[in-house]
Amino acid sequence: MFVCICERVRECEVRSVIRAGARCEESVGEACGAGTGCGSCLDRICDLIDEEKTDTLVAIAA
């Protein structure tokens, strides 16, 4: 599924750059281009950052 239509960035790419250390919309944009066009995907990028953060915390706790 595409997260960013403007830059043709898929969800798996965004998740990958978050797992590699991107912690805000700007760093995701620098890494893969998502969110650097019209900006309508920025909320979704934030959601993915939060999801990945939660997944990481759950994994650490387990």
N, C-alpha and C. Protein backbone atom coordinates (compact mmCIF):
# COMPACT_ATOMS: atom_id res chain seq x y z
N MET A 1 0.85 -1.17 0.00
CA MET A 1 0.00 0.00 0.00
C MET A 1 0.90 1.24 0.00
N PHE A 2 0.52 2.24 -0.78
CA PHE A 2 1.28 3.48 -0.81
C PHE A 2 0.90 4.36 0.37
N VAL A 3 1.90 4.91 1.02
CA VAL A 3 1.69 5.91 2.07
C VAL A 3 1.74 7.29 1.42
N CYS A 4 2.71 7.48 0.53
CA CYS A 4 2.89 8.77 -0.14
C CYS A 4 2.72 8.58 -1.64
N ILE A 5 1.63 9.11 -2.15
CA ILE A 5 1.35 8.99 -3.57
C ILE A 5 2.28 9.89 -4.39
N CYS A 6 2.55 11.09 -3.88
CA CYS A 6 3.38 12.05 -4.61
C CYS A 6 4.75 11.47 -4.96
N GLU A 7 5.35 10.78 -3.99
CA GLU A 7 6.70 10.24 -4.17
C GLU A 7 6.72 8.73 -4.39
N ARG A 8 5.52 8.14 -4.48
CA ARG A 8 5.38 6.69 -4.70
C ARG A 8 6.14 5.86 -3.66
N VAL A 9 5.90 6.16 -2.39
CA VAL A 9 6.57 5.46 -1.30
C VAL A 9 5.58 4.54 -0.62
N ARG A 10 5.94 3.29 -0.53
CA ARG A 10 5.08 2.27 0.07
C ARG A 10 5.27 2.20 1.59
N GLU A 11 4.26 1.65 2.24
CA GLU A 11 4.29 1.52 3.69
C GLU A 11 5.51 0.74 4.16
N CYS A 12 5.86 -0.32 3.45
CA CYS A 12 7.02 -1.13 3.87
C CYS A 12 8.31 -0.31 3.84
N GLU A 13 8.42 0.62 2.89
CA GLU A 13 9.61 1.48 2.84
C GLU A 13 9.64 2.44 4.03
N VAL A 14 8.49 3.01 4.36
CA VAL A 14 8.42 3.93 5.50
C VAL A 14 8.75 3.18 6.78
N ARG A 15 8.17 2.01 6.97
CA ARG A 15 8.46 1.22 8.17
C ARG A 15 9.95 0.87 8.24
N SER A 16 10.54 0.58 7.12
CA SER A 16 11.96 0.24 7.08
C SER A 16 12.84 1.41 7.53
N VAL A 17 12.55 2.61 7.07
CA VAL A 17 13.38 3.76 7.48
C VAL A 17 13.13 4.12 8.95
N ILE A 18 11.91 3.87 9.44
CA ILE A 18 11.63 4.10 10.86
C ILE A 18 12.44 3.11 11.69
N ARG A 19 12.44 1.85 11.29
CA ARG A 19 13.22 0.84 12.01
C ARG A 19 14.71 1.13 11.96
N ALA A 20 15.14 1.82 10.90
CA ALA A 20 16.56 2.17 10.75
C ALA A 20 16.93 3.42 11.54
N GLY A 21 15.93 4.07 12.18
CA GLY A 21 16.25 5.18 13.05
C GLY A 21 15.51 6.48 12.82
N ALA A 22 14.71 6.59 11.78
CA ALA A 22 13.93 7.82 11.55
C ALA A 22 12.88 7.95 12.65
N ARG A 23 12.83 9.09 13.32
CA ARG A 23 11.94 9.27 14.46
C ARG A 23 10.96 10.43 14.30
N CYS A 24 10.97 11.10 13.16
CA CYS A 24 10.03 12.19 12.91
C CYS A 24 9.74 12.24 11.42
N GLU A 25 8.70 13.00 11.06
CA GLU A 25 8.30 13.09 9.66
C GLU A 25 9.44 13.59 8.78
N GLU A 26 10.20 14.55 9.30
CA GLU A 26 11.29 15.13 8.51
C GLU A 26 12.37 14.10 8.19
N SER A 27 12.72 13.28 9.19
CA SER A 27 13.76 12.29 8.94
C SER A 27 13.27 11.17 8.02
N VAL A 28 11.98 10.84 8.10
CA VAL A 28 11.42 9.88 7.15
C VAL A 28 11.50 10.46 5.74
N GLY A 29 11.13 11.73 5.59
CA GLY A 29 11.20 12.38 4.29
C GLY A 29 12.60 12.42 3.73
N GLU A 30 13.57 12.70 4.57
CA GLU A 30 14.97 12.73 4.13
C GLU A 30 15.44 11.36 3.67
N ALA A 31 14.96 10.32 4.35
CA ALA A 31 15.41 8.97 4.05
C ALA A 31 14.76 8.36 2.81
N CYS A 32 13.45 8.65 2.60
CA CYS A 32 12.78 7.97 1.49
C CYS A 32 11.90 8.88 0.64
N GLY A 33 11.75 10.13 1.03
CA GLY A 33 10.97 11.07 0.24
C GLY A 33 9.52 11.20 0.65
N ALA A 34 9.02 10.29 1.47
CA ALA A 34 7.62 10.35 1.88
C ALA A 34 7.35 11.63 2.67
N GLY A 35 6.25 12.29 2.34
CA GLY A 35 5.86 13.50 3.05
C GLY A 35 6.48 14.77 2.53
N THR A 36 7.23 14.68 1.46
CA THR A 36 7.92 15.86 0.94
C THR A 36 7.17 16.53 -0.20
N GLY A 37 6.03 15.96 -0.59
CA GLY A 37 5.23 16.55 -1.66
C GLY A 37 4.12 17.42 -1.09
N CYS A 38 2.90 16.99 -1.24
CA CYS A 38 1.75 17.80 -0.82
C CYS A 38 1.53 17.80 0.68
N GLY A 39 2.04 16.78 1.38
CA GLY A 39 1.92 16.72 2.84
C GLY A 39 0.70 16.00 3.36
N SER A 40 -0.16 15.51 2.48
CA SER A 40 -1.38 14.86 2.96
C SER A 40 -1.09 13.52 3.65
N CYS A 41 0.10 12.98 3.51
CA CYS A 41 0.43 11.70 4.13
C CYS A 41 1.13 11.86 5.47
N LEU A 42 1.37 13.06 5.92
CA LEU A 42 2.13 13.27 7.16
C LEU A 42 1.46 12.65 8.37
N ASP A 43 0.12 12.69 8.43
CA ASP A 43 -0.58 12.05 9.55
C ASP A 43 -0.34 10.55 9.55
N ARG A 44 -0.38 9.94 8.39
CA ARG A 44 -0.14 8.49 8.28
C ARG A 44 1.29 8.16 8.67
N ILE A 45 2.24 8.99 8.27
CA ILE A 45 3.64 8.77 8.65
C ILE A 45 3.77 8.83 10.17
N CYS A 46 3.13 9.80 10.80
CA CYS A 46 3.14 9.90 12.27
C CYS A 46 2.56 8.64 12.90
N ASP A 47 1.46 8.15 12.34
CA ASP A 47 0.84 6.93 12.85
C ASP A 47 1.82 5.75 12.76
N LEU A 48 2.52 5.65 11.64
CA LEU A 48 3.47 4.55 11.46
C LEU A 48 4.64 4.67 12.44
N ILE A 49 5.10 5.89 12.68
CA ILE A 49 6.16 6.09 13.67
C ILE A 49 5.68 5.62 15.04
N ASP A 50 4.48 5.99 15.42
CA ASP A 50 3.91 5.57 16.70
C ASP A 50 3.75 4.05 16.77
N GLU A 51 3.27 3.45 15.70
CA GLU A 51 3.09 1.99 15.67
C GLU A 51 4.42 1.27 15.84
N GLU A 52 5.43 1.73 15.12
CA GLU A 52 6.74 1.09 15.20
C GLU A 52 7.35 1.28 16.58
N LYS A 53 7.14 2.44 17.18
CA LYS A 53 7.65 2.71 18.53
C LYS A 53 6.99 1.75 19.52
N THR A 54 5.68 1.57 19.40
CA THR A 54 4.94 0.66 20.28
C THR A 54 5.40 -0.77 20.07
N ASP A 55 5.56 -1.18 18.82
CA ASP A 55 6.02 -2.54 18.52
C ASP A 55 7.39 -2.80 19.13
N THR A 56 8.26 -1.80 19.06
CA THR A 56 9.61 -1.94 19.62
C THR A 56 9.56 -2.07 21.14
N LEU A 57 8.73 -1.26 21.78
CA LEU A 57 8.61 -1.34 23.24
C LEU A 57 8.03 -2.67 23.69
N VAL A 58 7.06 -3.19 22.97
CA VAL A 58 6.48 -4.49 23.29
C VAL A 58 7.51 -5.58 23.14
N ALA A 59 8.31 -5.51 22.08
CA ALA A 59 9.34 -6.52 21.85
C ALA A 59 10.40 -6.49 22.94
N ILE A 60 10.76 -5.30 23.38
CA ILE A 60 11.75 -5.16 24.45
C ILE A 60 11.21 -5.74 25.75
N ALA A 61 9.94 -5.47 26.03
CA ALA A 61 9.33 -5.94 27.27
C ALA A 61 9.15 -7.46 27.30
N ALA A 62 9.07 -8.06 26.15
CA ALA A 62 8.83 -9.52 26.09
C ALA A 62 10.03 -10.30 26.34
